[in-house]
């Protein structure tokens, strides 16, 4: 199978190929994308959308880590919440 990875003038933007939506709405994420983002069977993905820009996926664990860091920034040194 040919390598479909293509850089779009930036090391942060990668085209991983295409996928087809099945009858039940399922898609297969290309292996290169799964490897790049450490997506494994059983991982939960959150689906976000922008009407003009399209659909994006993020691992739920990544969002959980962000939320933990965000909310911990509101904790005072003695463990009490700031008000």
N, C-alpha and C. Protein backbone atom coordinates (compact mmCIF):
# COMPACT_ATOMS: atom_id res chain seq x y z
N UNK A 1 0.85 -1.19 0.00
CA UNK A 1 0.00 0.00 0.00
C UNK A 1 0.89 1.24 0.00
N UNK A 2 0.62 2.21 -0.85
CA UNK A 2 1.47 3.41 -0.90
C UNK A 2 1.33 4.24 0.37
N UNK A 3 2.40 4.96 0.67
CA UNK A 3 2.39 5.84 1.84
C UNK A 3 1.61 7.10 1.49
N UNK A 4 0.50 7.34 2.20
CA UNK A 4 -0.36 8.49 1.92
C UNK A 4 -0.03 9.68 2.80
N UNK A 5 0.99 9.56 3.63
CA UNK A 5 1.33 10.66 4.53
C UNK A 5 1.88 11.82 3.70
N UNK A 6 1.34 12.99 3.94
CA UNK A 6 1.74 14.15 3.15
C UNK A 6 1.78 15.38 4.04
N UNK A 7 2.93 16.03 4.08
CA UNK A 7 3.04 17.25 4.87
C UNK A 7 2.50 18.43 4.08
N UNK A 8 1.75 19.29 4.75
CA UNK A 8 1.18 20.49 4.13
C UNK A 8 1.98 21.71 4.56
N UNK A 9 3.23 21.79 4.17
CA UNK A 9 4.11 22.91 4.49
C UNK A 9 4.23 23.16 5.99
N UNK A 10 3.99 22.15 6.79
CA UNK A 10 4.13 22.29 8.24
C UNK A 10 4.30 20.91 8.83
N UNK A 11 5.21 20.79 9.79
CA UNK A 11 5.40 19.49 10.43
C UNK A 11 4.23 19.13 11.33
N UNK A 12 3.34 20.08 11.61
CA UNK A 12 2.20 19.82 12.47
C UNK A 12 0.93 19.45 11.71
N UNK A 13 0.93 19.56 10.40
CA UNK A 13 -0.25 19.24 9.60
C UNK A 13 0.08 18.06 8.70
N UNK A 14 -0.61 16.95 8.91
CA UNK A 14 -0.32 15.73 8.16
C UNK A 14 -1.61 15.17 7.57
N UNK A 15 -1.57 14.81 6.30
CA UNK A 15 -2.68 14.11 5.65
C UNK A 15 -2.38 12.62 5.76
N UNK A 16 -3.26 11.87 6.42
CA UNK A 16 -3.02 10.45 6.67
C UNK A 16 -3.69 9.53 5.66
N UNK A 17 -4.49 10.05 4.76
CA UNK A 17 -5.18 9.20 3.80
C UNK A 17 -6.67 9.43 3.85
N UNK A 18 -7.42 8.46 3.37
CA UNK A 18 -8.87 8.59 3.37
C UNK A 18 -9.49 7.35 4.00
N UNK A 19 -10.75 7.46 4.35
CA UNK A 19 -11.50 6.35 4.92
C UNK A 19 -12.93 6.44 4.41
N UNK A 20 -13.65 5.35 4.48
CA UNK A 20 -15.03 5.30 4.01
C UNK A 20 -15.96 5.06 5.20
N UNK A 21 -17.06 5.78 5.23
CA UNK A 21 -18.05 5.59 6.28
C UNK A 21 -18.88 4.36 5.94
N UNK A 22 -18.95 3.43 6.89
CA UNK A 22 -19.73 2.21 6.69
C UNK A 22 -21.21 2.45 6.95
N UNK A 23 -22.00 1.41 6.74
CA UNK A 23 -23.46 1.51 6.91
C UNK A 23 -23.85 1.93 8.32
N UNK A 24 -23.07 1.55 9.32
CA UNK A 24 -23.38 1.89 10.71
C UNK A 24 -22.70 3.17 11.16
N UNK A 25 -22.11 3.92 10.22
CA UNK A 25 -21.47 5.19 10.55
C UNK A 25 -20.05 5.04 11.06
N UNK A 26 -19.49 3.86 10.96
CA UNK A 26 -18.14 3.62 11.45
C UNK A 26 -17.09 3.96 10.40
N UNK A 27 -15.92 4.39 10.89
CA UNK A 27 -14.77 4.63 10.02
C UNK A 27 -13.57 3.90 10.60
N UNK A 28 -12.58 3.67 9.76
CA UNK A 28 -11.31 3.11 10.21
C UNK A 28 -10.28 4.23 10.16
N UNK A 29 -9.63 4.47 11.27
CA UNK A 29 -8.58 5.49 11.33
C UNK A 29 -7.31 4.85 10.75
N UNK A 30 -6.68 5.48 9.77
CA UNK A 30 -5.47 4.91 9.17
C UNK A 30 -4.41 4.58 10.22
N UNK A 31 -3.70 3.47 10.01
CA UNK A 31 -2.72 3.01 10.99
C UNK A 31 -1.67 4.06 11.30
N UNK A 32 -1.25 4.83 10.29
CA UNK A 32 -0.24 5.86 10.53
C UNK A 32 -0.74 6.89 11.54
N UNK A 33 -2.01 7.24 11.45
CA UNK A 33 -2.61 8.20 12.40
C UNK A 33 -2.72 7.58 13.78
N UNK A 34 -3.14 6.30 13.84
CA UNK A 34 -3.24 5.62 15.14
C UNK A 34 -1.88 5.54 15.81
N UNK A 35 -0.85 5.25 15.04
CA UNK A 35 0.50 5.17 15.61
C UNK A 35 0.99 6.55 16.06
N UNK A 36 0.80 7.55 15.22
CA UNK A 36 1.26 8.91 15.53
C UNK A 36 0.64 9.43 16.83
N UNK A 37 -0.64 9.12 17.05
CA UNK A 37 -1.36 9.66 18.20
C UNK A 37 -1.63 8.62 19.29
N UNK A 38 -0.94 7.47 19.18
CA UNK A 38 -1.06 6.40 20.19
C UNK A 38 -2.51 6.04 20.47
N UNK A 39 -3.28 5.83 19.41
CA UNK A 39 -4.68 5.42 19.54
C UNK A 39 -4.72 3.90 19.48
N UNK A 40 -5.27 3.30 20.52
CA UNK A 40 -5.31 1.85 20.65
C UNK A 40 -6.75 1.36 20.73
N UNK A 41 -6.97 0.07 20.40
CA UNK A 41 -8.33 -0.48 20.53
C UNK A 41 -8.88 -0.23 21.93
N UNK A 42 -10.11 0.20 22.00
CA UNK A 42 -10.76 0.48 23.28
C UNK A 42 -10.63 1.91 23.75
N UNK A 43 -9.73 2.70 23.14
CA UNK A 43 -9.59 4.11 23.53
C UNK A 43 -10.87 4.86 23.20
N UNK A 44 -11.24 5.78 24.07
CA UNK A 44 -12.40 6.65 23.83
C UNK A 44 -11.92 7.89 23.09
N UNK A 45 -12.65 8.26 22.04
CA UNK A 45 -12.34 9.47 21.28
C UNK A 45 -13.53 10.41 21.36
N UNK A 46 -13.25 11.68 21.53
CA UNK A 46 -14.29 12.70 21.52
C UNK A 46 -14.33 13.31 20.12
N UNK A 47 -15.52 13.56 19.61
CA UNK A 47 -15.70 14.08 18.26
C UNK A 47 -16.19 15.52 18.36
N UNK A 48 -15.42 16.43 17.79
CA UNK A 48 -15.77 17.85 17.77
C UNK A 48 -16.02 18.25 16.32
N UNK A 49 -16.81 19.29 16.13
CA UNK A 49 -17.06 19.75 14.77
C UNK A 49 -17.15 21.25 14.67
N UNK A 50 -16.76 21.75 13.54
CA UNK A 50 -16.89 23.16 13.18
C UNK A 50 -17.54 23.17 11.80
N UNK A 51 -18.67 23.83 11.68
CA UNK A 51 -19.43 23.82 10.43
C UNK A 51 -18.57 24.19 9.23
N UNK A 52 -17.64 25.11 9.40
CA UNK A 52 -16.81 25.56 8.28
C UNK A 52 -15.51 24.78 8.13
N UNK A 53 -14.96 24.29 9.25
CA UNK A 53 -13.63 23.67 9.20
C UNK A 53 -13.65 22.14 9.21
N UNK A 54 -14.74 21.53 9.68
CA UNK A 54 -14.82 20.08 9.64
C UNK A 54 -14.87 19.42 11.00
N UNK A 55 -14.50 18.14 11.02
CA UNK A 55 -14.59 17.30 12.21
C UNK A 55 -13.19 17.05 12.75
N UNK A 56 -13.08 16.99 14.07
CA UNK A 56 -11.81 16.68 14.72
C UNK A 56 -12.02 15.66 15.81
N UNK A 57 -11.00 14.86 16.07
CA UNK A 57 -11.04 13.85 17.12
C UNK A 57 -9.95 14.15 18.14
N UNK A 58 -10.23 13.84 19.40
CA UNK A 58 -9.22 13.93 20.45
C UNK A 58 -9.44 12.78 21.41
N UNK A 59 -8.36 12.20 21.89
CA UNK A 59 -8.49 11.13 22.87
C UNK A 59 -9.09 11.71 24.15
N UNK A 60 -10.06 11.01 24.71
CA UNK A 60 -10.70 11.47 25.94
C UNK A 60 -9.67 11.62 27.05
N UNK A 61 -8.68 10.74 27.08
CA UNK A 61 -7.65 10.81 28.13
C UNK A 61 -6.85 12.11 28.04
N UNK A 62 -6.64 12.63 26.83
CA UNK A 62 -5.92 13.89 26.67
C UNK A 62 -6.74 15.05 27.24
N UNK A 63 -8.04 15.04 26.98
CA UNK A 63 -8.90 16.09 27.51
C UNK A 63 -8.98 15.99 29.03
N UNK A 64 -9.03 14.76 29.55
CA UNK A 64 -9.05 14.57 31.00
C UNK A 64 -7.79 15.13 31.64
N UNK A 65 -6.63 14.88 31.03
CA UNK A 65 -5.37 15.40 31.56
C UNK A 65 -5.37 16.93 31.55
N UNK A 66 -5.86 17.52 30.47
CA UNK A 66 -5.95 18.97 30.39
C UNK A 66 -6.86 19.50 31.50
N UNK A 67 -8.02 18.88 31.68
CA UNK A 67 -8.97 19.33 32.71
C UNK A 67 -8.36 19.23 34.10
N UNK A 68 -7.64 18.15 34.37
CA UNK A 68 -7.00 17.99 35.68
C UNK A 68 -5.98 19.10 35.92
N UNK A 69 -5.16 19.41 34.91
CA UNK A 69 -4.18 20.49 35.06
C UNK A 69 -4.88 21.83 35.23
N UNK A 70 -5.93 22.06 34.46
CA UNK A 70 -6.66 23.31 34.52
C UNK A 70 -7.26 23.51 35.91
N UNK A 71 -7.98 22.52 36.41
CA UNK A 71 -8.64 22.67 37.70
C UNK A 71 -7.65 22.66 38.86
N UNK A 72 -6.53 21.97 38.72
CA UNK A 72 -5.54 21.98 39.80
C UNK A 72 -4.90 23.36 39.94
N UNK A 73 -4.94 24.16 38.87
CA UNK A 73 -4.37 25.51 38.96
C UNK A 73 -5.21 26.41 39.87
N UNK A 74 -6.43 25.99 40.19
CA UNK A 74 -7.29 26.76 41.08
C UNK A 74 -7.12 26.35 42.54
N UNK A 75 -6.34 25.33 42.79
CA UNK A 75 -6.14 24.86 44.16
C UNK A 75 -5.06 25.71 44.82
N UNK A 76 -5.31 26.10 46.07
CA UNK A 76 -4.28 26.81 46.82
C UNK A 76 -3.27 25.79 47.34
N UNK A 77 -2.18 26.26 47.88
CA UNK A 77 -1.13 25.36 48.34
C UNK A 77 -1.58 24.45 49.48
N UNK A 78 -2.55 24.89 50.29
CA UNK A 78 -3.01 24.05 51.39
C UNK A 78 -4.16 23.14 50.98
N UNK A 79 -4.53 23.14 49.69
CA UNK A 79 -5.56 22.23 49.20
C UNK A 79 -6.94 22.83 49.15
N UNK A 80 -7.15 24.02 49.73
CA UNK A 80 -8.46 24.65 49.68
C UNK A 80 -8.65 25.31 48.32
N UNK A 81 -9.87 25.29 47.83
CA UNK A 81 -10.19 25.97 46.57
C UNK A 81 -10.14 27.47 46.76
N UNK A 82 -9.64 28.18 45.74
CA UNK A 82 -9.65 29.64 45.77
C UNK A 82 -11.06 30.13 45.50
N UNK A 83 -11.41 31.24 46.10
CA UNK A 83 -12.75 31.80 45.87
C UNK A 83 -12.64 33.21 45.39
